[in-house]
């Protein structure tokens, strides 16, 4: 038989004592906004897209057409899928508002143009001449740049002709 003092203790402190519990919740969230990167979008650092090379020539009696490749002038873009983008090309450091020129560092220049299409019908420039994509796809895209070096009256001045074109990605 249980003694009365033990019975009182059992009634006051039942076996398996219970601790008080309080609970609250919190939320976890992330918001993704539209974003883009020039280049592969893999975090690798690239300083430029390479060189669109018209080759080595001694005369320039007819136009010379070239198309870029990855690492040699093609523009690589990665964006959040569904993002509307615009890719603009300026007229280079030697160009005017409507024409691009390569310079040999002296006073000699060679006229060239950059295009969005292989038929060289759509000049690739800025503002209304920029390439527009209404809804960017879910994968990295490589855009070919089509170039045309315009014919001269024969033999241009000797030298290495260059220009630097800036690519602007707007999203």
C-alpha atoms as a PDB file:
ATOM      1  CA  UNK A   1       0.000   0.000   0.000  1.00  0.00           C
ATOM      2  CA  UNK A   2       1.137   3.456  -0.829  1.00  0.00           C
ATOM      3  CA  UNK A   3       1.728   5.821   1.915  1.00  0.00           C
ATOM      4  CA  UNK A   4      -0.366   8.980   1.754  1.00  0.00           C
ATOM      5  CA  UNK A   5       2.643  11.286   1.293  1.00  0.00           C
ATOM      6  CA  UNK A   6       3.722   9.305  -1.788  1.00  0.00           C
ATOM      7  CA  UNK A   7       0.217   9.447  -3.169  1.00  0.00           C
ATOM      8  CA  UNK A   8       0.224  13.215  -2.786  1.00  0.00           C
ATOM      9  CA  UNK A   9       3.577  13.452  -4.565  1.00  0.00           C
ATOM     10  CA  UNK A  10       2.345  11.277  -7.444  1.00  0.00           C
ATOM     11  CA  UNK A  11      -0.730  13.412  -7.855  1.00  0.00           C
ATOM     12  CA  UNK A  12       1.270  16.654  -7.769  1.00  0.00           C
ATOM     13  CA  UNK A  13       4.087  15.389 -10.055  1.00  0.00           C
ATOM     14  CA  UNK A  14       2.764  12.699 -12.367  1.00  0.00           C
ATOM     15  CA  UNK A  15       5.311  10.477 -14.114  1.00  0.00           C
ATOM     16  CA  UNK A  16       6.714  11.730 -17.448  1.00  0.00           C
ATOM     17  CA  UNK A  17       6.826  15.389 -16.523  1.00  0.00           C
ATOM     18  CA  UNK A  18       5.834  17.617 -19.421  1.00  0.00           C
ATOM     19  CA  UNK A  19       7.741  20.700 -20.498  1.00  0.00           C
ATOM     20  CA  UNK A  20       5.908  23.678 -21.853  1.00  0.00           C
ATOM     21  CA  UNK A  21       6.211  24.108 -25.671  1.00  0.00           C
ATOM     22  CA  UNK A  22       5.705  27.217 -27.771  1.00  0.00           C
ATOM     23  CA  UNK A  23       5.953  27.287 -31.572  1.00  0.00           C
ATOM     24  CA  UNK A  24       6.095  29.988 -34.228  1.00  0.00           C
ATOM     25  CA  UNK A  25       6.798  29.819 -37.953  1.00  0.00           C
ATOM     26  CA  UNK A  26       8.927  31.841 -40.342  1.00  0.00           C
ATOM     27  CA  UNK A  27       8.952  32.057 -44.133  1.00  0.00           C
ATOM     28  CA  UNK A  28      11.765  31.407 -46.572  1.00  0.00           C
ATOM     29  CA  UNK A  29      11.677  33.211 -49.892  1.00  0.00           C
ATOM     30  CA  UNK A  30      13.690  34.270 -52.912  1.00  0.00           C
ATOM     31  CA  UNK A  31      12.764  36.563 -55.743  1.00  0.00           C
ATOM     32  CA  UNK A  32      14.438  36.154 -59.106  1.00  0.00           C
ATOM     33  CA  UNK A  33      14.534  39.220 -61.322  1.00  0.00           C
ATOM     34  CA  UNK A  34      15.447  39.328 -64.966  1.00  0.00           C
ATOM     35  CA  UNK A  35      19.189  39.184 -65.530  1.00  0.00           C
ATOM     36  CA  UNK A  36      21.638  38.776 -68.376  1.00  0.00           C
ATOM     37  CA  UNK A  37      25.343  38.293 -68.960  1.00  0.00           C
ATOM     38  CA  UNK A  38      27.518  38.797 -71.994  1.00  0.00           C
ATOM     39  CA  UNK A  39      29.449  35.575 -72.305  1.00  0.00           C
ATOM     40  CA  UNK A  40      28.690  32.013 -71.332  1.00  0.00           C
ATOM     41  CA  UNK A  41      27.062  32.997 -68.039  1.00  0.00           C
ATOM     42  CA  UNK A  42      29.140  30.413 -66.194  1.00  0.00           C
ATOM     43  CA  UNK A  43      31.124  32.922 -64.168  1.00  0.00           C
ATOM     44  CA  UNK A  44      34.168  32.736 -66.447  1.00  0.00           C
ATOM     45  CA  UNK A  45      35.829  36.065 -67.069  1.00  0.00           C
ATOM     46  CA  UNK A  46      36.099  37.117 -70.688  1.00  0.00           C
ATOM     47  CA  UNK A  47      37.473  40.499 -71.686  1.00  0.00           C
ATOM     48  CA  UNK A  48      36.114  40.469 -75.242  1.00  0.00           C
ATOM     49  CA  UNK A  49      34.581  38.286 -77.946  1.00  0.00           C
ATOM     50  CA  UNK A  50      37.780  37.908 -79.990  1.00  0.00           C
ATOM     51  CA  UNK A  51      38.526  39.340 -83.434  1.00  0.00           C
ATOM     52  CA  UNK A  52      36.417  39.313 -86.582  1.00  0.00           C
ATOM     53  CA  UNK A  53      39.263  38.916 -89.072  1.00  0.00           C
ATOM     54  CA  UNK A  54      38.994  39.857 -92.754  1.00  0.00           C
ATOM     55  CA  UNK A  55      42.335  38.177 -93.425  1.00  0.00           C
ATOM     56  CA  UNK A  56      45.556  39.286 -95.114  1.00  0.00           C
ATOM     57  CA  UNK A  57      45.079  41.103 -98.418  1.00  0.00           C
ATOM     58  CA  UNK A  58      47.305  42.893-100.917  1.00  0.00           C
ATOM     59  CA  UNK A  59      44.497  44.431-102.956  1.00  0.00           C
ATOM     60  CA  UNK A  60      40.861  45.165-102.336  1.00  0.00           C
ATOM     61  CA  UNK A  61      39.127  45.276-105.723  1.00  0.00           C
ATOM     62  CA  UNK A  62      35.987  43.536-104.439  1.00  0.00           C
ATOM     63  CA  UNK A  63      34.105  43.262-101.156  1.00  0.00           C
ATOM     64  CA  UNK A  64      35.327  40.703 -98.612  1.00  0.00           C
ATOM     65  CA  UNK A  65      32.603  38.974 -96.588  1.00  0.00           C
ATOM     66  CA  UNK A  66      33.231  37.078 -93.341  1.00  0.00           C
ATOM     67  CA  UNK A  67      31.109  35.531 -90.597  1.00  0.00           C
ATOM     68  CA  UNK A  68      32.110  35.373 -86.946  1.00  0.00           C
ATOM     69  CA  UNK A  69      32.570  32.213 -84.918  1.00  0.00           C
ATOM     70  CA  UNK A  70      32.726  31.575 -81.166  1.00  0.00           C
ATOM     71  CA  UNK A  71      35.862  33.306 -79.861  1.00  0.00           C
ATOM     72  CA  UNK A  72      36.248  35.216 -83.123  1.00  0.00           C
ATOM     73  CA  UNK A  73      33.597  37.929 -83.007  1.00  0.00           C
ATOM     74  CA  UNK A  74      30.391  36.034 -82.231  1.00  0.00           C
ATOM     75  CA  UNK A  75      28.331  37.515 -79.400  1.00  0.00           C
ATOM     76  CA  UNK A  76      27.448  35.098 -76.588  1.00  0.00           C
ATOM     77  CA  UNK A  77      24.510  35.985 -74.338  1.00  0.00           C
ATOM     78  CA  UNK A  78      22.891  34.262 -71.360  1.00  0.00           C
ATOM     79  CA  UNK A  79      19.679  35.643 -69.816  1.00  0.00           C
ATOM     80  CA  UNK A  80      16.799  34.725 -67.581  1.00  0.00           C
ATOM     81  CA  UNK A  81      14.345  32.836 -69.834  1.00  0.00           C
ATOM     82  CA  UNK A  82      11.533  35.004 -71.143  1.00  0.00           C
ATOM     83  CA  UNK A  83      13.465  38.272 -70.797  1.00  0.00           C
ATOM     84  CA  UNK A  84      13.146  40.807 -73.614  1.00  0.00           C
ATOM     85  CA  UNK A  85      16.602  41.963 -74.746  1.00  0.00           C
ATOM     86  CA  UNK A  86      18.294  44.254 -77.218  1.00  0.00           C
ATOM     87  CA  UNK A  87      21.881  43.826 -78.469  1.00  0.00           C
ATOM     88  CA  UNK A  88      23.416  46.974 -79.943  1.00  0.00           C
ATOM     89  CA  UNK A  89      26.789  47.495 -81.630  1.00  0.00           C
ATOM     90  CA  UNK A  90      28.370  50.929 -81.768  1.00  0.00           C
ATOM     91  CA  UNK A  91      30.197  52.191 -84.842  1.00  0.00           C
ATOM     92  CA  UNK A  92      33.649  51.582 -83.396  1.00  0.00           C
ATOM     93  CA  UNK A  93      36.354  53.973 -82.286  1.00  0.00           C
ATOM     94  CA  UNK A  94      37.067  55.048 -85.889  1.00  0.00           C
ATOM     95  CA  UNK A  95      33.484  55.173 -87.187  1.00  0.00           C
ATOM     96  CA  UNK A  96      30.881  57.814 -87.815  1.00  0.00           C
ATOM     97  CA  UNK A  97      27.159  57.767 -87.073  1.00  0.00           C
ATOM     98  CA  UNK A  98      26.460  55.559 -90.105  1.00  0.00           C
ATOM     99  CA  UNK A  99      29.733  53.982 -91.256  1.00  0.00           C
ATOM    100  CA  UNK A 100      32.441  51.882 -89.639  1.00  0.00           C
ATOM    101  CA  UNK A 101      36.145  52.242 -90.428  1.00  0.00           C
ATOM    102  CA  UNK A 102      39.293  50.359 -89.535  1.00  0.00           C
ATOM    103  CA  UNK A 103      42.419  52.472 -89.206  1.00  0.00           C
ATOM    104  CA  UNK A 104      46.084  51.569 -89.661  1.00  0.00           C
ATOM    105  CA  UNK A 105      47.074  54.099 -86.974  1.00  0.00           C
ATOM    106  CA  UNK A 106      48.034  56.709 -89.529  1.00  0.00           C
ATOM    107  CA  UNK A 107      45.579  58.526 -91.750  1.00  0.00           C
ATOM    108  CA  UNK A 108      44.517  55.477 -93.781  1.00  0.00           C
ATOM    109  CA  UNK A 109      41.171  53.788 -93.201  1.00  0.00           C
ATOM    110  CA  UNK A 110      39.179  50.912 -94.667  1.00  0.00           C
ATOM    111  CA  UNK A 111      35.376  51.011 -94.675  1.00  0.00           C
ATOM    112  CA  UNK A 112      33.498  48.009 -93.350  1.00  0.00           C
ATOM    113  CA  UNK A 113      30.048  47.185 -92.027  1.00  0.00           C
ATOM    114  CA  UNK A 114      28.543  44.655 -89.598  1.00  0.00           C
ATOM    115  CA  UNK A 115      25.242  42.891 -90.219  1.00  0.00           C
ATOM    116  CA  UNK A 116      22.696  40.747 -88.400  1.00  0.00           C
ATOM    117  CA  UNK A 117      22.085  38.426 -91.355  1.00  0.00           C
ATOM    118  CA  UNK A 118      24.070  36.399 -93.877  1.00  0.00           C
ATOM    119  CA  UNK A 119      22.511  38.364 -96.779  1.00  0.00           C
ATOM    120  CA  UNK A 120      24.019  41.511 -95.263  1.00  0.00           C
ATOM    121  CA  UNK A 121      20.717  43.348 -95.581  1.00  0.00           C
ATOM    122  CA  UNK A 122      20.262  44.376 -91.906  1.00  0.00           C
ATOM    123  CA  UNK A 123      23.018  46.592 -90.523  1.00  0.00           C
ATOM    124  CA  UNK A 124      23.784  45.824 -86.885  1.00  0.00           C
ATOM    125  CA  UNK A 125      23.957  49.087 -85.010  1.00  0.00           C
ATOM    126  CA  UNK A 126      22.326  50.897 -82.150  1.00  0.00           C
ATOM    127  CA  UNK A 127      18.793  52.150 -81.476  1.00  0.00           C
ATOM    128  CA  UNK A 128      16.501  50.870 -84.245  1.00  0.00           C
ATOM    129  CA  UNK A 129      19.395  48.899 -85.788  1.00  0.00           C
ATOM    130  CA  UNK A 130      19.938  46.806 -82.649  1.00  0.00           C
ATOM    131  CA  UNK A 131      19.006  43.116 -82.589  1.00  0.00           C
ATOM    132  CA  UNK A 132      15.844  42.568 -80.517  1.00  0.00           C
ATOM    133  CA  UNK A 133      14.719  39.331 -78.887  1.00  0.00           C
ATOM    134  CA  UNK A 134      11.170  39.453 -77.456  1.00  0.00           C
ATOM    135  CA  UNK A 135      11.546  36.400 -75.209  1.00  0.00           C
ATOM    136  CA  UNK A 136      15.021  35.001 -74.464  1.00  0.00           C
ATOM    137  CA  UNK A 137      15.154  31.176 -74.623  1.00  0.00           C
ATOM    138  CA  UNK A 138      16.286  28.935 -71.775  1.00  0.00           C
ATOM    139  CA  UNK A 139      19.804  28.337 -73.129  1.00  0.00           C
ATOM    140  CA  UNK A 140      22.872  30.457 -73.863  1.00  0.00           C
ATOM    141  CA  UNK A 141      22.719  31.925 -77.363  1.00  0.00           C
ATOM    142  CA  UNK A 142      25.548  32.650 -79.785  1.00  0.00           C
ATOM    143  CA  UNK A 143      24.821  35.397 -82.300  1.00  0.00           C
ATOM    144  CA  UNK A 144      26.843  35.456 -85.511  1.00  0.00           C
ATOM    145  CA  UNK A 145      28.134  38.817 -86.709  1.00  0.00           C
ATOM    146  CA  UNK A 146      28.378  39.099 -90.492  1.00  0.00           C
ATOM    147  CA  UNK A 147      31.026  41.501 -91.736  1.00  0.00           C
ATOM    148  CA  UNK A 148      31.758  43.129 -95.076  1.00  0.00           C
ATOM    149  CA  UNK A 149      35.003  44.906 -95.901  1.00  0.00           C
ATOM    150  CA  UNK A 150      34.200  47.255 -98.780  1.00  0.00           C
ATOM    151  CA  UNK A 151      36.249  47.330-101.986  1.00  0.00           C
ATOM    152  CA  UNK A 152      38.609  50.207-102.628  1.00  0.00           C
ATOM    153  CA  UNK A 153      40.178  51.416-105.831  1.00  0.00           C
ATOM    154  CA  UNK A 154      42.908  48.833-105.790  1.00  0.00           C
ATOM    155  CA  UNK A 155      45.731  48.830-103.321  1.00  0.00           C
ATOM    156  CA  UNK A 156      45.164  50.353 -99.874  1.00  0.00           C
ATOM    157  CA  UNK A 157      48.100  51.669 -97.840  1.00  0.00           C
ATOM    158  CA  UNK A 158      50.169  48.952 -96.162  1.00  0.00           C
ATOM    159  CA  UNK A 159      49.491  48.372 -92.488  1.00  0.00           C
ATOM    160  CA  UNK A 160      47.509  46.516 -89.891  1.00  0.00           C
ATOM    161  CA  UNK A 161      43.987  47.935 -89.791  1.00  0.00           C
ATOM    162  CA  UNK A 162      41.888  47.607 -86.644  1.00  0.00           C
ATOM    163  CA  UNK A 163      38.814  48.936 -84.927  1.00  0.00           C
ATOM    164  CA  UNK A 164      37.103  48.197 -81.600  1.00  0.00           C
ATOM    165  CA  UNK A 165      33.322  47.783 -81.498  1.00  0.00           C
ATOM    166  CA  UNK A 166      31.412  47.923 -78.202  1.00  0.00           C
ATOM    167  CA  UNK A 167      28.507  45.526 -77.613  1.00  0.00           C
ATOM    168  CA  UNK A 168      25.671  46.828 -75.412  1.00  0.00           C
ATOM    169  CA  UNK A 169      23.130  44.398 -73.982  1.00  0.00           C
ATOM    170  CA  UNK A 170      19.922  45.994 -72.690  1.00  0.00           C
ATOM    171  CA  UNK A 171      17.281  44.002 -70.790  1.00  0.00           C
END
